[in-house]
Amino acid sequence: MDTWDGRLPRAAGMRPYAVRFTARLTARHRIPLDWSVASLRVVDRLIDGLRKGGADADAVRDTLAGLGAYVGEVLVRRAGGVWVDLDADQRAWFAQPVGVRLPDGRVWNPLGKVRNRFETGGPEESLQTFYLTLHGRARRTAA
């Protein structure tokens, strides 16, 4: 599986990256992305639209990366996660440079989950379901 060619920032820069991407997307297209768990259903639909439109993975690479950053930031804000730079073994396993560590210490791969949703499109790859079935998430709802 290819990566996003190192164009993603390190963990410390993921929040601003996600915020900038989301601001651009919502300003241009009036898409309701509000960092809520419910908004992950919107992300599912956006990715499904890209697939159904016949988009080439390379052509939408930056959009997928931005949506992955958005999903990761929802994990940070809603599940008590923190962005982390992955070590060499984790980078090889996840094929991503960053992930989100939840309060129980587990590391999750929202960038890869977005990519999987794009590649397979099945309901088992739903991003909203991904969040709702996460192990180790904090039970808080504050932004």
C-alpha atoms as a PDB file:
ATOM      1  CA  MET A   1       0.000   0.000   0.000  1.00  0.00           C
ATOM      2  CA  ASP A   2       1.420   3.397  -0.849  1.00  0.00           C
ATOM      3  CA  THR A   3       1.712   6.240   1.588  1.00  0.00           C
ATOM      4  CA  TRP A   4       0.998   9.904   1.127  1.00  0.00           C
ATOM      5  CA  ASP A   5       4.647  10.487   0.178  1.00  0.00           C
ATOM      6  CA  GLY A   6       5.611  12.161   3.420  1.00  0.00           C
ATOM      7  CA  ARG A   7       3.371  15.146   2.730  1.00  0.00           C
ATOM      8  CA  LEU A   8       1.600  14.773   6.037  1.00  0.00           C
ATOM      9  CA  PRO A   9       2.965  16.771   8.954  1.00  0.00           C
ATOM     10  CA  ARG A  10       4.390  15.199  12.067  1.00  0.00           C
ATOM     11  CA  ALA A  11       1.940  14.535  14.916  1.00  0.00           C
ATOM     12  CA  ALA A  12       2.332  18.025  16.368  1.00  0.00           C
ATOM     13  CA  GLY A  13       1.096  19.532  13.102  1.00  0.00           C
ATOM     14  CA  MET A  14      -1.882  17.266  12.502  1.00  0.00           C
ATOM     15  CA  ARG A  15      -4.472  19.380  14.322  1.00  0.00           C
ATOM     16  CA  PRO A  16      -3.688  22.532  12.322  1.00  0.00           C
ATOM     17  CA  TYR A  17      -3.548  20.442   9.133  1.00  0.00           C
ATOM     18  CA  ALA A  18      -7.000  18.973   9.862  1.00  0.00           C
ATOM     19  CA  VAL A  19      -8.428  22.379  10.771  1.00  0.00           C
ATOM     20  CA  ARG A  20      -7.124  24.020   7.562  1.00  0.00           C
ATOM     21  CA  PHE A  21      -8.381  21.176   5.378  1.00  0.00           C
ATOM     22  CA  THR A  22     -11.806  21.213   7.019  1.00  0.00           C
ATOM     23  CA  ALA A  23     -12.115  25.002   6.762  1.00  0.00           C
ATOM     24  CA  ARG A  24     -11.334  24.873   3.028  1.00  0.00           C
ATOM     25  CA  LEU A  25     -13.720  21.997   2.383  1.00  0.00           C
ATOM     26  CA  THR A  26     -16.618  23.439   4.349  1.00  0.00           C
ATOM     27  CA  ALA A  27     -16.177  26.935   2.909  1.00  0.00           C
ATOM     28  CA  ARG A  28     -16.177  25.697  -0.690  1.00  0.00           C
ATOM     29  CA  HIS A  29     -18.863  23.056  -0.466  1.00  0.00           C
ATOM     30  CA  ARG A  30     -20.933  23.883   2.638  1.00  0.00           C
ATOM     31  CA  ILE A  31     -20.346  20.414   4.038  1.00  0.00           C
ATOM     32  CA  PRO A  32     -21.422  20.003   7.694  1.00  0.00           C
ATOM     33  CA  LEU A  33     -18.180  18.873   9.318  1.00  0.00           C
ATOM     34  CA  ASP A  34     -18.346  19.978  12.942  1.00  0.00           C
ATOM     35  CA  TRP A  35     -15.935  17.550  14.670  1.00  0.00           C
ATOM     36  CA  SER A  36     -18.848  15.471  15.977  1.00  0.00           C
ATOM     37  CA  VAL A  37     -19.169  11.707  15.888  1.00  0.00           C
ATOM     38  CA  ALA A  38     -22.278  12.148  13.718  1.00  0.00           C
ATOM     39  CA  SER A  39     -20.189  14.044  11.144  1.00  0.00           C
ATOM     40  CA  LEU A  40     -18.234  10.857  10.461  1.00  0.00           C
ATOM     41  CA  ARG A  41     -21.301   9.661   8.563  1.00  0.00           C
ATOM     42  CA  VAL A  42     -20.827  12.687   6.301  1.00  0.00           C
ATOM     43  CA  VAL A  43     -17.217  11.598   5.746  1.00  0.00           C
ATOM     44  CA  ASP A  44     -18.469   8.129   4.803  1.00  0.00           C
ATOM     45  CA  ARG A  45     -20.755   9.710   2.216  1.00  0.00           C
ATOM     46  CA  LEU A  46     -18.025  11.975   0.849  1.00  0.00           C
ATOM     47  CA  ILE A  47     -15.712   9.027   0.310  1.00  0.00           C
ATOM     48  CA  ASP A  48     -18.511   6.989  -1.241  1.00  0.00           C
ATOM     49  CA  GLY A  49     -19.144   9.876  -3.627  1.00  0.00           C
ATOM     50  CA  LEU A  50     -15.499   9.918  -4.672  1.00  0.00           C
ATOM     51  CA  ARG A  51     -15.649   6.169  -5.319  1.00  0.00           C
ATOM     52  CA  LYS A  52     -18.899   6.294  -7.262  1.00  0.00           C
ATOM     53  CA  GLY A  53     -17.581   9.205  -9.294  1.00  0.00           C
ATOM     54  CA  GLY A  54     -14.742   6.969 -10.455  1.00  0.00           C
ATOM     55  CA  ALA A  55     -11.982   9.036  -8.853  1.00  0.00           C
ATOM     56  CA  ASP A  56      -8.476   7.648  -9.166  1.00  0.00           C
ATOM     57  CA  ALA A  57      -6.777   7.141  -5.775  1.00  0.00           C
ATOM     58  CA  ASP A  58      -3.781   9.232  -6.832  1.00  0.00           C
ATOM     59  CA  ALA A  59      -6.035  12.076  -7.989  1.00  0.00           C
ATOM     60  CA  VAL A  60      -7.777  12.264  -4.595  1.00  0.00           C
ATOM     61  CA  ARG A  61      -4.763  11.466  -2.420  1.00  0.00           C
ATOM     62  CA  ASP A  62      -4.713  14.882  -0.738  1.00  0.00           C
ATOM     63  CA  THR A  63      -8.461  14.799  -0.136  1.00  0.00           C
ATOM     64  CA  LEU A  64      -8.200  11.353   1.442  1.00  0.00           C
ATOM     65  CA  ALA A  65      -5.320  12.547   3.607  1.00  0.00           C
ATOM     66  CA  GLY A  66      -7.361  15.553   4.724  1.00  0.00           C
ATOM     67  CA  LEU A  67     -10.385  13.403   5.504  1.00  0.00           C
ATOM     68  CA  GLY A  68      -8.135  11.023   7.441  1.00  0.00           C
ATOM     69  CA  ALA A  69      -6.783  13.957   9.416  1.00  0.00           C
ATOM     70  CA  TYR A  70     -10.359  15.066  10.111  1.00  0.00           C
ATOM     71  CA  VAL A  71     -11.317  11.588  11.361  1.00  0.00           C
ATOM     72  CA  GLY A  72      -8.190  11.480  13.519  1.00  0.00           C
ATOM     73  CA  GLU A  73      -8.971  14.864  14.986  1.00  0.00           C
ATOM     74  CA  VAL A  74     -12.482  13.661  15.863  1.00  0.00           C
ATOM     75  CA  LEU A  75     -10.781  10.818  17.785  1.00  0.00           C
ATOM     76  CA  VAL A  76      -8.605  13.370  19.554  1.00  0.00           C
ATOM     77  CA  ARG A  77     -11.468  15.708  20.438  1.00  0.00           C
ATOM     78  CA  ARG A  78     -14.181  13.154  21.210  1.00  0.00           C
ATOM     79  CA  ALA A  79     -12.377  10.037  22.383  1.00  0.00           C
ATOM     80  CA  GLY A  80      -9.544  11.565  24.395  1.00  0.00           C
ATOM     81  CA  GLY A  81      -6.868  10.633  21.864  1.00  0.00           C
ATOM     82  CA  VAL A  82      -3.586  12.286  21.034  1.00  0.00           C
ATOM     83  CA  TRP A  83      -1.758  12.427  17.690  1.00  0.00           C
ATOM     84  CA  VAL A  84       1.500  10.452  17.751  1.00  0.00           C
ATOM     85  CA  ASP A  85       4.393   9.972  15.365  1.00  0.00           C
ATOM     86  CA  LEU A  86       4.576   6.281  14.635  1.00  0.00           C
ATOM     87  CA  ASP A  87       7.773   4.327  15.150  1.00  0.00           C
ATOM     88  CA  ALA A  88       9.346   2.398  12.274  1.00  0.00           C
ATOM     89  CA  ASP A  89       7.431  -0.822  12.989  1.00  0.00           C
ATOM     90  CA  GLN A  90       4.113   1.018  13.281  1.00  0.00           C
ATOM     91  CA  ARG A  91       4.801   2.975  10.072  1.00  0.00           C
ATOM     92  CA  ALA A  92       5.452  -0.291   8.268  1.00  0.00           C
ATOM     93  CA  TRP A  93       2.306  -1.901   9.691  1.00  0.00           C
ATOM     94  CA  PHE A  94      -0.052   1.063   9.148  1.00  0.00           C
ATOM     95  CA  ALA A  95       1.666   2.497   6.047  1.00  0.00           C
ATOM     96  CA  GLN A  96       1.220   5.937   7.624  1.00  0.00           C
ATOM     97  CA  PRO A  97       3.576   8.261   9.496  1.00  0.00           C
ATOM     98  CA  VAL A  98       1.104   9.285  12.232  1.00  0.00           C
ATOM     99  CA  GLY A  99      -1.733   7.776  14.225  1.00  0.00           C
ATOM    100  CA  VAL A 100      -3.898   8.478  17.252  1.00  0.00           C
ATOM    101  CA  ARG A 101      -3.208   6.976  20.674  1.00  0.00           C
ATOM    102  CA  LEU A 102      -6.295   6.556  22.853  1.00  0.00           C
ATOM    103  CA  PRO A 103      -6.315   6.697  26.674  1.00  0.00           C
ATOM    104  CA  ASP A 104      -5.823   2.923  26.992  1.00  0.00           C
ATOM    105  CA  GLY A 105      -2.549   3.169  25.036  1.00  0.00           C
ATOM    106  CA  ARG A 106      -3.758   1.605  21.794  1.00  0.00           C
ATOM    107  CA  VAL A 107      -2.769   3.319  18.563  1.00  0.00           C
ATOM    108  CA  TRP A 108      -5.331   3.674  15.785  1.00  0.00           C
ATOM    109  CA  ASN A 109      -4.929   4.492  12.110  1.00  0.00           C
ATOM    110  CA  PRO A 110      -7.648   6.915  10.944  1.00  0.00           C
ATOM    111  CA  LEU A 111      -5.695   7.818   7.792  1.00  0.00           C
ATOM    112  CA  GLY A 112      -5.571   4.180   6.749  1.00  0.00           C
ATOM    113  CA  LYS A 113      -9.212   3.669   7.669  1.00  0.00           C
ATOM    114  CA  VAL A 114     -10.197   6.469   5.259  1.00  0.00           C
ATOM    115  CA  ARG A 115      -8.054   4.882   2.576  1.00  0.00           C
ATOM    116  CA  ASN A 116      -9.708   1.498   3.209  1.00  0.00           C
ATOM    117  CA  ARG A 117     -13.163   3.069   2.943  1.00  0.00           C
ATOM    118  CA  PHE A 118     -12.174   4.536  -0.421  1.00  0.00           C
ATOM    119  CA  GLU A 119     -10.643   1.303  -1.717  1.00  0.00           C
ATOM    120  CA  THR A 120     -13.343  -1.132  -0.596  1.00  0.00           C
ATOM    121  CA  GLY A 121     -16.365   1.024   0.172  1.00  0.00           C
ATOM    122  CA  GLY A 122     -18.121  -1.607   2.211  1.00  0.00           C
ATOM    123  CA  PRO A 123     -20.180  -0.904   5.332  1.00  0.00           C
ATOM    124  CA  GLU A 124     -17.523  -2.675   7.409  1.00  0.00           C
ATOM    125  CA  GLU A 125     -15.259   0.279   6.625  1.00  0.00           C
ATOM    126  CA  SER A 126     -17.697   2.908   7.947  1.00  0.00           C
ATOM    127  CA  LEU A 127     -15.862   5.667   9.770  1.00  0.00           C
ATOM    128  CA  GLN A 128     -18.775   6.342  12.092  1.00  0.00           C
ATOM    129  CA  THR A 129     -18.884   2.656  13.052  1.00  0.00           C
ATOM    130  CA  PHE A 130     -15.088   2.728  13.439  1.00  0.00           C
ATOM    131  CA  TYR A 131     -15.452   5.418  16.098  1.00  0.00           C
ATOM    132  CA  LEU A 132     -18.397   3.798  17.852  1.00  0.00           C
ATOM    133  CA  THR A 133     -16.607   0.454  18.184  1.00  0.00           C
ATOM    134  CA  LEU A 134     -13.199   1.796  19.251  1.00  0.00           C
ATOM    135  CA  HIS A 135     -11.705   0.158  22.280  1.00  0.00           C
ATOM    136  CA  GLY A 136     -10.110   2.451  24.835  1.00  0.00           C
ATOM    137  CA  ARG A 137     -11.909   5.664  23.996  1.00  0.00           C
ATOM    138  CA  ALA A 138     -12.745   8.114  26.727  1.00  0.00           C
ATOM    139  CA  ARG A 139     -16.436   8.535  27.412  1.00  0.00           C
ATOM    140  CA  ARG A 140     -16.463  12.290  26.976  1.00  0.00           C
ATOM    141  CA  THR A 141     -18.102  14.607  24.501  1.00  0.00           C
ATOM    142  CA  ALA A 142     -16.370  17.954  25.075  1.00  0.00           C
ATOM    143  CA  ALA A 143     -14.570  19.512  22.109  1.00  0.00           C
END
